[in-house]
Amino acid sequence: MALSETHGLKSQWACRLACQLIKSHHGEITEAVCRQLVTRGLQTLPDIIRGCDLTGSQVKQALLLLIQHNYASVYTQKDDENARNAKPPVALYEPNVDVIVQILRRPRILLHLREEQGVRAEQVGELMLEHGRITYEQLASAMAGRMECSEQEARHAARDVLMALINFRCVERAPPCNLPPPNVPTHPNATKKRAKSSAGSAEAAAEEAAALKSLEELKYSHLRFKAQPSRARMGTEGKQLGKKMHPAKSLLSSWTQMRQQRVKGSSLRQAMDVLWRLNYEELNRRFRHACCVRLARSNYDEDTATVMEAMLAAGRSCETKLKEERGANLSVNQVQANVRRIAGAKRRAQEDKEDESEHGADGLKDEEQEEQEQPEEVEELCSKVSSIIGRLCADPFEPMSYANEGPQGSTFCVNMSRIIDQLKLKELEAVARDRYGTGGLRIFRLLFIHDQLEQKQVADMSMLPPKETRELLYRMLQGGFVFLQDIPKTADRAASRTFYTWHVEWEPVSDHFSTNLYRAAGNVWARLQHELAKNKELLDLVEEAQIVGQLTFNITHEQKLKLGALQRTARVLEASLIDMDEMIALFNSY
């Protein structure tokens, strides 16, 4: 199967899963609009209305719901105002399939917020997942309804938690609707080489428009993690005590202060109206780093995992994209300082764990706090940082490598792409062992190491009978784990004069497995919804009893057995979805 065909199938099954999730959570009308978006891509409102068998008001309400929950993005396409026959601005809508699929990742997100930043952060994350985009006032009122305290205390708790999440970049401002649509990169061979455009030409106008688009995006990126607007500079007239002023100057000073107060009040009102949402990119980046730390812990020891965690945490703010190949360049002294800071943060979190339920914001402390006196174990680990880095750099797989010479000496970086590839390889080997046994795993590893091998060579080197080797190879060929290459001796490509070699191609194998993950997740989700719909009457009976408040209600023995079987089935299917979502993230997001 060609690589382009594999990508097409992957997007097809991902879109199918996204539509299933939207239908289960938001109904059939929203699912119809979402299906039109994922099928056609970037569209205007009239195009969406023509593609759906719905009224204009229904499409608008569904689009508002998708935008509110960050399942769709809005862009504004503008023509140059100075151009002849300039068209009015047009709103374009694009689906966020990756965000929709991450509905399956919600339990993992809430668990991460609870473990890293406390119970209050989990409540804020739950509210943002429930409402999508939310203002500070809405968040404070919702928190007051959930907390058993006064409204003022709830507002302070919501403010502290929100500020902490913004500082950790787990929450960001929702993007405005006036951003330009993303540019689709064209292949270099598809564009003709031309001379530099002259001033005043149409090409120059297009380049200027592209530059303006980038400025709008830079403006949003500048305000993305800012909680308060920039305050206007206050005047200094009339603020010096004991200084007499001219009446005209005093009147001018009071008028200036009133004007500045009005500006400040409008800025604060704008700050209150800012919409906030969860930053899925940062959360997935943290999950990616956790995968790297987990691999270091399984391959080496706990000390190596701690050093890896310190290096990844130090360079997290420097990463500009999610699939960053390498981390930040750090010296040994910087790594030791980060190890001490992380150890101190873990110790403080352990100390505050008991009263976390009473003071939910206590655990949300800044990483820049002054370091306390470190225990002997931390100092011992810091003394071993240099040897641990040297061992990782000497590893043939190179999870860490030497970068360059800096002001503080030699610097090193974490090769995150290599670590993620090793995790993918481990998952593929586990699946190959489950499907084809130890013989299939042996063949897969052999072909992964060697480039091209004939069937007899595979049988000899894997120490398997020729018949079993042939059966395993063709089964693995059908499953997409190996590939067959024919090398003809003559131009007629006769089978008797052709070599047939077997090999493993890394990218097609990974993409094919990712496609199967999307398809399997969609099937499991459909099975879960089918089981819930089949027992809808029993579930309605239980829900009605819970609403009334009856803890004990009469049901037959057959209904009890059916309810127990449904609970066991739902538990198994939900656990399978969580496991598959972790693998989907590994093969697609990371």
Protein backbone atom coordinates (compact mmCIF):
# COMPACT_ATOMS: atom_id res chain seq x y z
CA MET A 1 0.00 0.00 0.00
CA ALA A 2 1.34 3.42 -0.95
CA LEU A 3 2.10 5.97 1.73
CA SER A 4 -0.48 8.46 0.40
CA GLU A 5 -3.18 5.79 0.46
CA THR A 6 -2.29 4.98 4.07
CA HIS A 7 -2.62 8.63 5.08
CA GLY A 8 -5.98 8.81 3.30
CA LEU A 9 -7.31 5.78 5.14
CA LYS A 10 -6.03 7.13 8.44
CA SER A 11 -7.86 10.42 7.96
CA GLN A 12 -10.96 8.53 6.83
CA TRP A 13 -11.16 6.39 9.98
CA ALA A 14 -10.24 9.36 12.18
CA CYS A 15 -13.11 11.38 10.67
CA ARG A 16 -15.46 8.43 11.21
CA LEU A 17 -14.48 8.25 14.87
CA ALA A 18 -14.87 12.03 15.25
CA CYS A 19 -18.40 11.95 13.83
CA GLN A 20 -19.35 9.09 16.16
CA LEU A 21 -18.10 11.02 19.19
CA ILE A 22 -19.95 14.20 18.15
CA LYS A 23 -23.18 12.28 17.61
CA SER A 24 -22.96 10.64 21.04
CA HIS A 25 -22.23 13.89 22.89
CA HIS A 26 -24.14 16.57 20.93
CA GLY A 27 -26.81 14.91 18.78
CA GLU A 28 -27.53 14.18 15.14
CA ILE A 29 -27.82 17.78 13.90
CA THR A 30 -24.36 18.71 15.13
CA GLU A 31 -23.04 15.40 13.76
CA ALA A 32 -24.42 16.24 10.30
CA VAL A 33 -22.65 19.62 10.28
CA CYS A 34 -19.46 18.02 11.59
CA ARG A 35 -19.62 15.35 8.88
CA GLN A 36 -19.96 18.05 6.22
CA LEU A 37 -16.91 19.86 7.64
CA VAL A 38 -14.66 16.80 7.92
CA THR A 39 -15.70 15.67 4.45
CA ARG A 40 -15.18 18.95 2.59
CA GLY A 41 -12.65 20.73 4.81
CA LEU A 42 -12.44 24.55 4.92
CA GLN A 43 -15.84 26.00 3.91
CA THR A 44 -18.02 29.09 4.13
CA LEU A 45 -21.42 29.14 5.82
CA PRO A 46 -23.44 29.00 2.53
CA ASP A 47 -21.40 25.98 1.42
CA ILE A 48 -22.14 24.18 4.69
CA ILE A 49 -25.87 24.96 4.44
CA ARG A 50 -26.00 23.66 0.86
CA GLY A 51 -24.17 20.47 1.84
CA CYS A 52 -26.46 19.67 4.79
CA ASP A 53 -30.19 18.95 4.63
CA LEU A 54 -30.76 21.44 7.44
CA THR A 55 -32.08 24.96 7.81
CA GLY A 56 -29.77 27.92 8.17
CA SER A 57 -30.62 28.46 11.83
CA GLN A 58 -29.88 24.81 12.66
CA VAL A 59 -26.51 24.99 10.91
CA LYS A 60 -25.63 28.23 12.73
CA GLN A 61 -26.52 26.77 16.12
CA ALA A 62 -24.51 23.63 15.40
CA LEU A 63 -21.51 25.70 14.27
CA LEU A 64 -21.72 27.82 17.41
CA LEU A 65 -21.70 24.63 19.50
CA LEU A 66 -18.70 23.23 17.63
CA ILE A 67 -16.78 26.50 17.98
CA GLN A 68 -17.68 26.80 21.67
CA HIS A 69 -16.20 23.36 22.38
CA ASN A 70 -13.14 24.02 20.13
CA TYR A 71 -14.22 21.31 17.68
CA ALA A 72 -14.09 23.83 14.81
CA SER A 73 -12.00 26.91 14.05
CA VAL A 74 -13.11 30.17 12.44
CA TYR A 75 -10.93 32.22 10.10
CA THR A 76 -11.52 35.48 8.25
CA GLN A 77 -10.39 35.74 4.65
CA LYS A 78 -9.81 39.34 3.57
CA ASP A 79 -8.79 40.84 0.28
CA ASP A 80 -6.41 43.74 0.01
CA GLU A 81 -8.34 46.96 0.66
CA ASN A 82 -6.36 48.81 -2.00
CA ALA A 83 -6.96 46.15 -4.63
CA ARG A 84 -9.49 46.69 -7.40
CA ASN A 85 -12.87 44.96 -6.91
CA ALA A 86 -11.93 43.86 -3.38
CA LYS A 87 -14.41 41.39 -1.90
CA PRO A 88 -15.85 41.77 1.60
CA PRO A 89 -14.39 39.60 4.37
CA VAL A 90 -15.58 36.00 4.39
CA ALA A 91 -15.72 33.68 7.43
CA LEU A 92 -14.29 30.20 6.86
CA TYR A 93 -14.90 27.18 9.10
CA GLU A 94 -12.54 24.26 9.55
CA PRO A 95 -12.95 21.12 11.70
CA ASN A 96 -10.44 20.20 14.41
CA VAL A 97 -10.52 16.42 14.09
CA ASP A 98 -7.60 15.98 16.50
CA VAL A 99 -9.44 17.89 19.24
CA ILE A 100 -12.63 15.88 18.68
CA VAL A 101 -10.77 12.59 18.94
CA GLN A 102 -9.24 13.80 22.21
CA ILE A 103 -12.65 13.42 23.84
CA LEU A 104 -11.36 9.95 24.65
CA ARG A 105 -8.39 11.59 26.44
CA ARG A 106 -10.50 13.54 28.94
CA PRO A 107 -10.06 11.12 31.89
CA ARG A 108 -6.31 11.21 31.38
CA ILE A 109 -6.31 15.03 31.25
CA LEU A 110 -8.28 15.34 34.48
CA LEU A 111 -6.06 12.79 36.21
CA HIS A 112 -2.94 14.69 35.12
CA LEU A 113 -4.32 18.01 36.41
CA ARG A 114 -5.22 16.41 39.73
CA GLU A 115 -1.83 14.76 40.21
CA GLU A 116 0.25 17.72 39.09
CA GLN A 117 -1.69 20.73 40.39
CA GLY A 118 -4.37 19.63 42.84
CA VAL A 119 -8.08 19.02 43.20
CA ARG A 120 -9.11 22.59 42.32
CA ALA A 121 -7.22 22.37 39.02
CA GLU A 122 -9.11 19.17 38.23
CA GLN A 123 -12.41 20.98 38.88
CA VAL A 124 -11.39 23.87 36.62
CA GLY A 125 -10.33 21.41 33.91
CA GLU A 126 -13.63 19.57 34.22
CA LEU A 127 -15.56 22.84 33.81
CA MET A 128 -13.51 23.80 30.75
CA LEU A 129 -14.06 20.39 29.20
CA GLU A 130 -17.76 20.72 29.89
CA HIS A 131 -18.20 24.28 28.59
CA GLY A 132 -15.36 24.52 26.08
CA ARG A 133 -14.58 28.25 26.23
CA ILE A 134 -15.36 30.06 29.46
CA THR A 135 -14.75 33.49 31.00
CA TYR A 136 -13.41 34.15 34.47
CA GLU A 137 -16.84 35.27 35.74
CA GLN A 138 -18.51 32.11 34.44
CA LEU A 139 -15.73 29.98 35.94
CA ALA A 140 -16.04 31.69 39.33
CA SER A 141 -19.82 31.25 39.47
CA ALA A 142 -19.53 27.59 38.46
CA MET A 143 -16.83 27.00 41.08
CA ALA A 144 -19.01 28.64 43.75
CA GLY A 145 -21.74 26.13 42.97
CA ARG A 146 -19.36 23.21 43.46
CA MET A 147 -17.40 24.40 46.50
CA GLU A 148 -18.84 24.41 50.00
CA CYS A 149 -17.71 27.93 50.84
CA SER A 150 -18.70 31.54 50.36
CA GLU A 151 -18.83 33.17 46.93
CA GLN A 152 -15.85 35.40 47.73
CA GLU A 153 -13.67 32.41 48.67
CA ALA A 154 -14.77 30.58 45.52
CA ARG A 155 -13.82 33.59 43.38
CA HIS A 156 -10.38 33.78 44.99
CA ALA A 157 -9.85 30.04 44.51
CA ALA A 158 -10.96 30.21 40.85
CA ARG A 159 -8.64 33.17 40.24
CA ASP A 160 -5.62 31.47 41.84
CA VAL A 161 -6.18 28.20 39.99
CA LEU A 162 -6.76 29.95 36.66
CA MET A 163 -3.60 32.04 37.05
CA ALA A 164 -1.58 28.96 37.98
CA LEU A 165 -2.87 27.04 34.94
CA ILE A 166 -2.06 30.00 32.68
CA ASN A 167 1.45 30.16 34.11
CA PHE A 168 1.86 26.44 33.44
CA ARG A 169 0.45 27.06 29.90
CA CYS A 170 -2.23 24.43 30.43
CA VAL A 171 -4.85 27.14 29.73
CA GLU A 172 -4.72 29.68 26.92
CA ARG A 173 -6.83 32.42 25.41
CA ALA A 174 -9.28 31.30 22.80
CA PRO A 175 -8.14 32.52 19.36
CA PRO A 176 -10.12 35.42 17.86
CA CYS A 177 -12.23 35.00 14.77
CA ASN A 178 -10.26 37.48 12.67
CA LEU A 179 -7.20 35.25 12.22
CA PRO A 180 -6.36 34.44 8.58
CA PRO A 181 -6.85 30.90 7.27
CA PRO A 182 -3.78 28.68 7.43
CA ASN A 183 -1.58 28.62 4.37
CA VAL A 184 -1.44 25.29 2.58
CA PRO A 185 2.22 24.62 1.73
CA THR A 186 2.85 23.80 -1.90
CA HIS A 187 5.52 21.45 -3.16
CA PRO A 188 8.58 23.24 -4.58
CA ASN A 189 8.18 21.41 -7.90
CA ALA A 190 4.62 22.74 -8.24
CA THR A 191 5.70 26.39 -8.26
CA LYS A 192 7.65 28.01 -11.03
CA LYS A 193 10.79 29.92 -10.19
CA ARG A 194 10.32 33.59 -10.95
CA ALA A 195 12.17 36.78 -10.34
CA LYS A 196 11.53 38.97 -7.34
CA SER A 197 8.22 40.80 -7.72
CA SER A 198 8.45 44.50 -8.40
CA ALA A 199 6.83 47.13 -6.22
CA GLY A 200 3.17 47.82 -7.03
CA SER A 201 2.53 44.51 -8.81
CA ALA A 202 -0.08 41.94 -7.87
CA GLU A 203 2.60 39.56 -6.58
CA ALA A 204 3.96 42.25 -4.28
CA ALA A 205 0.44 42.93 -2.96
CA ALA A 206 0.01 39.21 -2.24
CA GLU A 207 3.33 39.13 -0.36
CA GLU A 208 2.30 42.16 1.69
CA ALA A 209 -1.02 40.48 2.52
CA ALA A 210 0.83 37.36 3.68
CA ALA A 211 3.05 39.55 5.88
CA LEU A 212 -0.04 41.18 7.42
CA LYS A 213 -1.45 37.72 8.16
CA SER A 214 1.68 36.77 10.00
CA LEU A 215 1.45 40.00 12.05
CA GLU A 216 -2.10 39.13 13.14
CA GLU A 217 -0.96 35.69 14.21
CA LEU A 218 1.98 37.19 16.12
CA LYS A 219 -0.40 39.51 17.94
CA TYR A 220 -2.48 36.55 19.13
CA SER A 221 0.62 34.58 20.12
CA HIS A 222 1.77 37.60 22.18
CA LEU A 223 -1.54 37.69 24.12
CA ARG A 224 -2.04 33.93 24.23
CA PHE A 225 -0.88 33.37 27.82
CA LYS A 226 -1.48 36.87 29.26
CA ALA A 227 -4.12 37.12 31.95
CA GLN A 228 -4.19 40.92 32.38
CA PRO A 229 -4.06 43.71 29.79
CA SER A 230 -1.29 46.24 29.79
CA ARG A 231 -2.17 49.08 32.09
CA ALA A 232 -2.00 52.68 30.93
CA ARG A 233 0.67 54.77 32.51
CA MET A 234 -0.74 56.87 35.32
CA GLY A 235 0.02 60.58 35.36
CA THR A 236 2.21 62.10 38.03
CA GLU A 237 0.66 65.57 38.22
CA GLY A 238 -0.85 66.40 41.55
CA LYS A 239 0.53 63.30 43.33
CA GLN A 240 3.29 65.06 45.23
CA LEU A 241 2.17 65.83 48.75
CA GLY A 242 2.41 69.35 50.00
CA LYS A 243 2.85 70.86 46.53
CA LYS A 244 0.49 73.64 45.47
CA MET A 245 -0.75 73.62 41.89
CA HIS A 246 -2.33 76.20 39.65
CA PRO A 247 -6.16 75.80 39.50
CA ALA A 248 -6.05 75.23 35.73
CA LYS A 249 -3.34 72.57 36.15
CA SER A 250 -5.31 70.97 38.99
CA LEU A 251 -8.45 70.81 36.82
CA LEU A 252 -6.42 69.33 33.95
CA SER A 253 -4.87 66.77 36.31
CA SER A 254 -8.25 65.65 37.66
CA TRP A 255 -9.64 65.35 34.12
CA THR A 256 -6.61 63.26 33.10
CA GLN A 257 -7.04 60.95 36.11
CA MET A 258 -10.74 60.46 35.35
CA ARG A 259 -9.92 59.59 31.75
CA GLN A 260 -7.23 57.12 32.84
CA GLN A 261 -9.65 55.49 35.28
CA ARG A 262 -12.17 55.04 32.47
CA VAL A 263 -9.47 53.46 30.28
CA LYS A 264 -8.39 51.22 33.14
CA GLY A 265 -11.99 50.20 33.84
CA SER A 266 -12.58 49.32 30.18
CA SER A 267 -9.34 47.30 30.14
CA LEU A 268 -10.44 45.36 33.23
CA ARG A 269 -13.84 44.72 31.67
CA GLN A 270 -12.08 43.41 28.55
CA ALA A 271 -9.97 41.16 30.77
CA MET A 272 -13.12 39.79 32.41
CA ASP A 273 -14.62 39.05 28.96
CA VAL A 274 -11.63 37.04 27.75
CA LEU A 275 -12.52 33.46 26.81
CA TRP A 276 -10.18 30.79 28.14
CA ARG A 277 -9.79 27.18 27.05
CA LEU A 278 -7.58 24.19 27.72
CA ASN A 279 -4.32 24.13 25.80
CA TYR A 280 -4.31 20.62 24.30
CA GLU A 281 -0.89 21.19 22.75
CA GLU A 282 0.75 21.78 26.13
CA LEU A 283 -1.10 18.86 27.74
CA ASN A 284 -0.01 16.52 24.96
CA ARG A 285 3.54 17.85 25.29
CA ARG A 286 3.51 16.91 28.96
CA PHE A 287 2.13 13.46 28.10
CA ARG A 288 4.91 13.09 25.52
CA HIS A 289 7.54 13.97 28.10
CA ALA A 290 5.96 11.49 30.52
CA CYS A 291 6.36 8.77 27.87
CA CYS A 292 10.07 9.62 27.53
CA VAL A 293 10.52 9.47 31.30
CA ARG A 294 8.67 6.16 31.49
CA LEU A 295 10.95 4.63 28.86
CA ALA A 296 14.05 5.87 30.72
CA ARG A 297 12.73 4.32 33.92
CA SER A 298 12.04 0.96 32.27
CA ASN A 299 15.34 0.81 30.34
CA TYR A 300 17.64 2.21 33.05
CA ASP A 301 16.68 3.17 36.61
CA GLU A 302 14.86 5.78 38.69
CA ASP A 303 17.81 8.19 38.82
CA THR A 304 18.05 8.27 35.02
CA ALA A 305 14.31 8.93 34.80
CA THR A 306 14.65 11.84 37.25
CA VAL A 307 17.47 13.41 35.22
CA MET A 308 15.45 12.95 32.02
CA GLU A 309 12.42 14.56 33.65
CA ALA A 310 14.50 17.52 34.84
CA MET A 311 15.94 18.14 31.36
CA LEU A 312 12.55 17.90 29.66
CA ALA A 313 10.89 20.20 32.21
CA ALA A 314 13.65 22.80 31.81
CA GLY A 315 13.27 22.97 28.02
CA ARG A 316 9.48 22.71 27.87
CA SER A 317 8.92 26.44 27.46
CA CYS A 318 11.43 26.58 24.58
CA GLU A 319 9.56 24.07 22.40
CA THR A 320 7.71 25.76 19.55
CA LYS A 321 5.82 22.71 18.30
CA LEU A 322 4.50 19.49 19.74
CA LYS A 323 6.58 17.05 17.68
CA GLU A 324 9.90 18.63 18.58
CA GLU A 325 12.83 16.42 17.64
CA ARG A 326 15.21 17.61 20.36
CA GLY A 327 14.95 19.33 23.71
CA ALA A 328 16.80 22.40 24.92
CA ASN A 329 20.59 22.42 25.25
CA LEU A 330 21.53 22.24 28.94
CA SER A 331 24.81 22.02 30.79
CA VAL A 332 25.48 19.72 33.73
CA ASN A 333 25.12 22.58 36.23
CA GLN A 334 21.73 23.55 34.78
CA VAL A 335 20.54 19.95 34.95
CA GLN A 336 21.62 19.71 38.59
CA ALA A 337 19.72 22.91 39.44
CA ASN A 338 16.59 21.56 37.74
CA VAL A 339 16.91 18.25 39.59
CA ARG A 340 17.01 20.12 42.91
CA ARG A 341 13.99 22.24 41.97
CA ILE A 342 11.91 19.23 40.88
CA ALA A 343 12.87 17.31 44.00
CA GLY A 344 11.84 20.28 46.16
CA ALA A 345 8.52 20.62 44.32
CA LYS A 346 7.78 16.92 44.80
CA ARG A 347 8.62 17.14 48.49
CA ARG A 348 6.36 20.18 48.98
CA ALA A 349 3.54 18.42 47.11
CA GLN A 350 3.93 15.40 49.35
CA GLU A 351 3.80 17.59 52.44
CA ASP A 352 0.68 19.46 51.25
CA LYS A 353 -1.14 16.36 50.09
CA GLU A 354 -2.97 15.87 53.39
CA ASP A 355 -4.56 19.35 53.53
CA GLU A 356 -5.07 19.60 49.76
CA SER A 357 -8.80 18.91 50.11
CA GLU A 358 -9.19 21.91 52.45
CA HIS A 359 -6.86 24.30 50.56
CA GLY A 360 -7.02 23.27 46.93
CA ALA A 361 -4.80 26.09 45.69
CA ASP A 362 -1.93 25.33 48.06
CA GLY A 363 -0.35 22.86 45.67
CA LEU A 364 -0.35 25.39 42.84
CA LYS A 365 3.00 26.98 43.63
CA ASP A 366 5.31 28.58 41.16
CA GLU A 367 8.36 26.67 40.00
CA GLU A 368 10.48 29.75 40.67
CA GLN A 369 10.24 29.43 44.47
CA GLU A 370 13.41 29.60 46.44
CA GLU A 371 15.05 26.23 46.94
CA GLN A 372 15.01 24.75 50.39
CA GLU A 373 17.76 22.67 51.88
CA GLN A 374 17.95 19.47 49.87
CA PRO A 375 18.18 16.02 51.50
CA GLU A 376 21.19 13.80 51.05
CA GLU A 377 19.51 11.65 48.37
CA VAL A 378 19.06 14.66 46.06
CA GLU A 379 22.65 15.79 46.51
CA GLU A 380 23.83 12.27 45.81
CA LEU A 381 21.77 12.20 42.61
CA CYS A 382 23.19 15.59 41.56
CA SER A 383 26.69 14.20 41.94
CA LYS A 384 25.76 11.38 39.52
CA VAL A 385 24.22 13.64 36.84
CA SER A 386 27.42 13.80 34.78
CA SER A 387 27.84 10.00 34.70
CA ILE A 388 24.15 9.47 33.86
CA ILE A 389 24.37 11.90 30.93
CA GLY A 390 27.53 10.18 29.71
CA ARG A 391 25.86 6.78 29.85
CA LEU A 392 22.84 8.03 27.89
CA CYS A 393 25.09 9.63 25.24
CA ALA A 394 27.05 6.38 24.90
CA ASP A 395 23.89 4.35 24.30
CA PRO A 396 23.75 3.13 20.65
CA PHE A 397 20.17 4.35 20.35
CA GLU A 398 21.25 7.86 21.49
CA PRO A 399 18.38 8.97 23.75
CA MET A 400 20.64 11.90 24.64
CA SER A 401 23.43 13.51 22.65
CA TYR A 402 26.14 16.15 22.92
CA ALA A 403 25.01 19.53 21.54
CA ASN A 404 27.83 22.06 21.70
CA GLU A 405 30.07 24.07 24.00
CA GLY A 406 28.30 26.79 25.96
CA PRO A 407 29.28 29.41 28.55
CA GLN A 408 28.91 26.82 31.32
CA GLY A 409 30.74 24.05 29.49
CA SER A 410 29.45 21.19 27.38
CA THR A 411 25.71 21.15 26.73
CA PHE A 412 23.49 18.14 26.05
CA CYS A 413 19.98 17.63 24.69
CA VAL A 414 17.32 14.90 24.77
CA ASN A 415 16.55 13.23 21.44
CA MET A 416 12.79 13.00 21.91
CA SER A 417 12.08 11.76 18.38
CA ARG A 418 14.38 8.76 18.89
CA ILE A 419 12.73 7.92 22.20
CA ILE A 420 9.24 8.12 20.65
CA ASP A 421 10.38 5.90 17.76
CA GLN A 422 11.66 3.36 20.26
CA LEU A 423 8.31 3.42 22.07
CA LYS A 424 6.51 2.88 18.77
CA LEU A 425 8.83 -0.02 17.95
CA LYS A 426 8.09 -1.63 21.32
CA GLU A 427 4.34 -1.36 20.70
CA LEU A 428 4.65 -2.81 17.20
CA GLU A 429 6.76 -5.70 18.51
CA ALA A 430 4.18 -6.40 21.21
CA VAL A 431 1.37 -6.49 18.63
CA ALA A 432 3.44 -8.71 16.31
CA ARG A 433 4.07 -11.14 19.18
CA ASP A 434 0.37 -11.23 20.10
CA ARG A 435 -0.77 -11.81 16.51
CA TYR A 436 1.94 -14.04 15.08
CA GLY A 437 3.70 -15.50 18.11
CA THR A 438 7.40 -15.51 18.91
CA GLY A 439 8.24 -16.65 15.38
CA GLY A 440 6.51 -13.61 13.88
CA LEU A 441 8.29 -11.33 16.34
CA ARG A 442 11.64 -12.90 15.40
CA ILE A 443 10.95 -12.35 11.69
CA PHE A 444 9.84 -8.75 12.26
CA ARG A 445 13.00 -7.89 14.22
CA LEU A 446 15.18 -9.63 11.63
CA LEU A 447 13.69 -7.73 8.70
CA PHE A 448 13.75 -4.46 10.65
CA ILE A 449 17.50 -4.79 11.21
CA HIS A 450 18.37 -6.06 7.70
CA ASP A 451 17.27 -4.24 4.59
CA GLN A 452 16.29 -6.93 2.07
CA LEU A 453 16.18 -10.70 2.62
CA GLU A 454 14.89 -13.59 0.56
CA GLN A 455 12.52 -16.14 2.01
CA LYS A 456 15.23 -18.79 2.42
CA GLN A 457 17.50 -16.30 4.17
CA VAL A 458 14.67 -15.35 6.53
CA ALA A 459 14.04 -19.01 7.37
CA ASP A 460 17.73 -19.72 7.98
CA MET A 461 18.45 -16.63 10.05
CA SER A 462 15.27 -16.86 12.13
CA MET A 463 15.80 -20.64 12.64
CA LEU A 464 12.25 -21.53 11.59
CA PRO A 465 11.00 -24.25 9.19
CA PRO A 466 10.54 -23.01 5.60
CA LYS A 467 6.82 -23.82 5.58
CA GLU A 468 6.15 -21.96 8.83
CA THR A 469 8.29 -19.05 7.64
CA ARG A 470 6.33 -18.76 4.39
CA GLU A 471 2.98 -18.83 6.22
CA LEU A 472 4.10 -16.21 8.74
CA LEU A 473 5.51 -13.93 6.04
CA TYR A 474 2.29 -13.89 4.03
CA ARG A 475 0.16 -13.41 7.14
CA MET A 476 2.35 -10.48 8.17
CA LEU A 477 2.17 -9.13 4.61
CA GLN A 478 -1.62 -9.17 4.86
CA GLY A 479 -1.43 -7.44 8.24
CA GLY A 480 0.84 -4.68 6.93
CA PHE A 481 3.91 -5.56 9.00
CA VAL A 482 6.23 -6.62 6.14
CA PHE A 483 6.47 -5.84 2.44
CA LEU A 484 7.42 -7.86 -0.63
CA GLN A 485 9.74 -6.48 -3.31
CA ASP A 486 10.22 -8.12 -6.72
CA ILE A 487 13.58 -7.60 -8.47
CA PRO A 488 13.39 -8.92 -12.09
CA LYS A 489 16.47 -10.14 -13.91
CA THR A 490 14.97 -9.50 -17.37
CA ALA A 491 12.55 -7.00 -18.81
CA ASP A 492 9.71 -9.54 -19.22
CA ARG A 493 9.48 -9.84 -15.39
CA ALA A 494 8.98 -13.59 -15.51
CA ALA A 495 8.53 -15.20 -12.10
CA SER A 496 11.27 -17.78 -12.77
CA ARG A 497 13.76 -14.98 -13.46
CA THR A 498 12.79 -12.67 -10.57
CA PHE A 499 14.11 -12.30 -7.05
CA TYR A 500 11.52 -11.78 -4.31
CA THR A 501 12.81 -10.09 -1.17
CA TRP A 502 11.11 -9.20 2.11
CA HIS A 503 11.67 -6.01 4.08
CA VAL A 504 10.11 -3.68 6.70
CA GLU A 505 9.36 -0.03 5.93
CA TRP A 506 9.06 2.02 9.08
CA GLU A 507 6.68 4.83 8.05
CA PRO A 508 4.13 2.68 6.16
CA VAL A 509 4.05 0.16 9.02
CA SER A 510 3.45 2.91 11.59
CA ASP A 511 0.77 4.60 9.47
CA HIS A 512 -1.00 1.31 8.79
CA PHE A 513 -1.04 0.47 12.48
CA SER A 514 -2.32 3.98 13.28
CA THR A 515 -5.14 3.46 10.77
CA ASN A 516 -6.09 0.21 12.48
CA LEU A 517 -6.10 2.01 15.83
CA TYR A 518 -8.63 4.59 14.60
CA ARG A 519 -10.79 1.87 13.08
CA ALA A 520 -10.65 -0.28 16.25
CA ALA A 521 -11.47 2.72 18.47
CA GLY A 522 -14.49 3.52 16.30
CA ASN A 523 -15.69 -0.08 16.49
CA VAL A 524 -15.29 -0.22 20.28
CA TRP A 525 -17.11 3.09 20.70
CA ALA A 526 -19.95 1.86 18.46
CA ARG A 527 -20.18 -1.34 20.52
CA LEU A 528 -20.34 0.65 23.76
CA GLN A 529 -23.14 2.86 22.42
CA HIS A 530 -24.99 -0.22 21.17
CA GLU A 531 -24.82 -1.87 24.61
CA LEU A 532 -26.06 1.30 26.29
CA ALA A 533 -28.91 1.73 23.79
CA LYS A 534 -29.94 -1.93 24.13
CA ASN A 535 -30.34 -1.52 27.91
CA LYS A 536 -31.76 2.01 27.79
CA GLU A 537 -34.92 1.13 29.75
CA LEU A 538 -32.91 -0.35 32.61
CA LEU A 539 -30.54 2.62 32.67
CA ASP A 540 -33.47 5.06 32.69
CA LEU A 541 -34.93 3.18 35.66
CA VAL A 542 -31.65 3.46 37.60
CA GLU A 543 -31.24 7.14 36.69
CA GLU A 544 -34.79 7.96 37.74
CA ALA A 545 -34.22 6.24 41.09
CA GLN A 546 -31.03 8.26 41.62
CA ILE A 547 -32.84 11.52 40.84
CA VAL A 548 -35.64 10.71 43.27
CA GLY A 549 -33.07 9.78 45.91
CA GLN A 550 -34.05 6.20 46.48
CA LEU A 551 -30.94 4.23 47.18
CA THR A 552 -32.89 0.97 47.30
CA PHE A 553 -35.54 0.22 44.68
CA ASN A 554 -37.18 -2.97 43.55
CA ILE A 555 -35.84 -4.67 40.42
CA THR A 556 -36.17 -8.25 39.34
CA HIS A 557 -33.42 -10.83 39.54
CA GLU A 558 -33.14 -10.85 35.76
CA GLN A 559 -32.67 -7.07 35.71
CA LYS A 560 -29.96 -7.34 38.37
CA LEU A 561 -28.07 -9.86 36.27
CA LYS A 562 -28.50 -7.71 33.17
CA LEU A 563 -27.30 -4.59 35.02
CA GLY A 564 -24.21 -6.40 36.34
CA ALA A 565 -23.35 -7.72 32.88
CA LEU A 566 -23.78 -4.23 31.41
CA GLN A 567 -21.47 -2.72 34.03
CA ARG A 568 -18.77 -5.30 33.35
CA THR A 569 -19.05 -4.85 29.58
CA ALA A 570 -18.98 -1.06 29.82
CA ARG A 571 -15.97 -1.18 32.14
CA VAL A 572 -14.01 -3.38 29.74
CA LEU A 573 -14.92 -1.28 26.69
CA GLU A 574 -14.07 2.01 28.41
CA ALA A 575 -10.71 0.64 29.59
CA SER A 576 -10.00 -0.52 26.03
CA LEU A 577 -10.81 2.95 24.69
CA ILE A 578 -8.41 4.58 27.17
CA ASP A 579 -5.63 2.17 26.20
CA MET A 580 -6.25 2.71 22.49
CA ASP A 581 -6.32 6.48 22.96
CA GLU A 582 -2.86 6.31 24.53
CA MET A 583 -1.59 4.37 21.51
CA ILE A 584 -3.35 6.77 19.12
CA ALA A 585 -1.58 9.67 20.82
CA LEU A 586 1.76 7.86 20.57
CA PHE A 587 1.43 7.13 16.83
CA ASN A 588 -0.24 10.41 15.79
CA SER A 589 0.13 13.27 18.28
CA TYR A 590 3.61 12.60 19.69
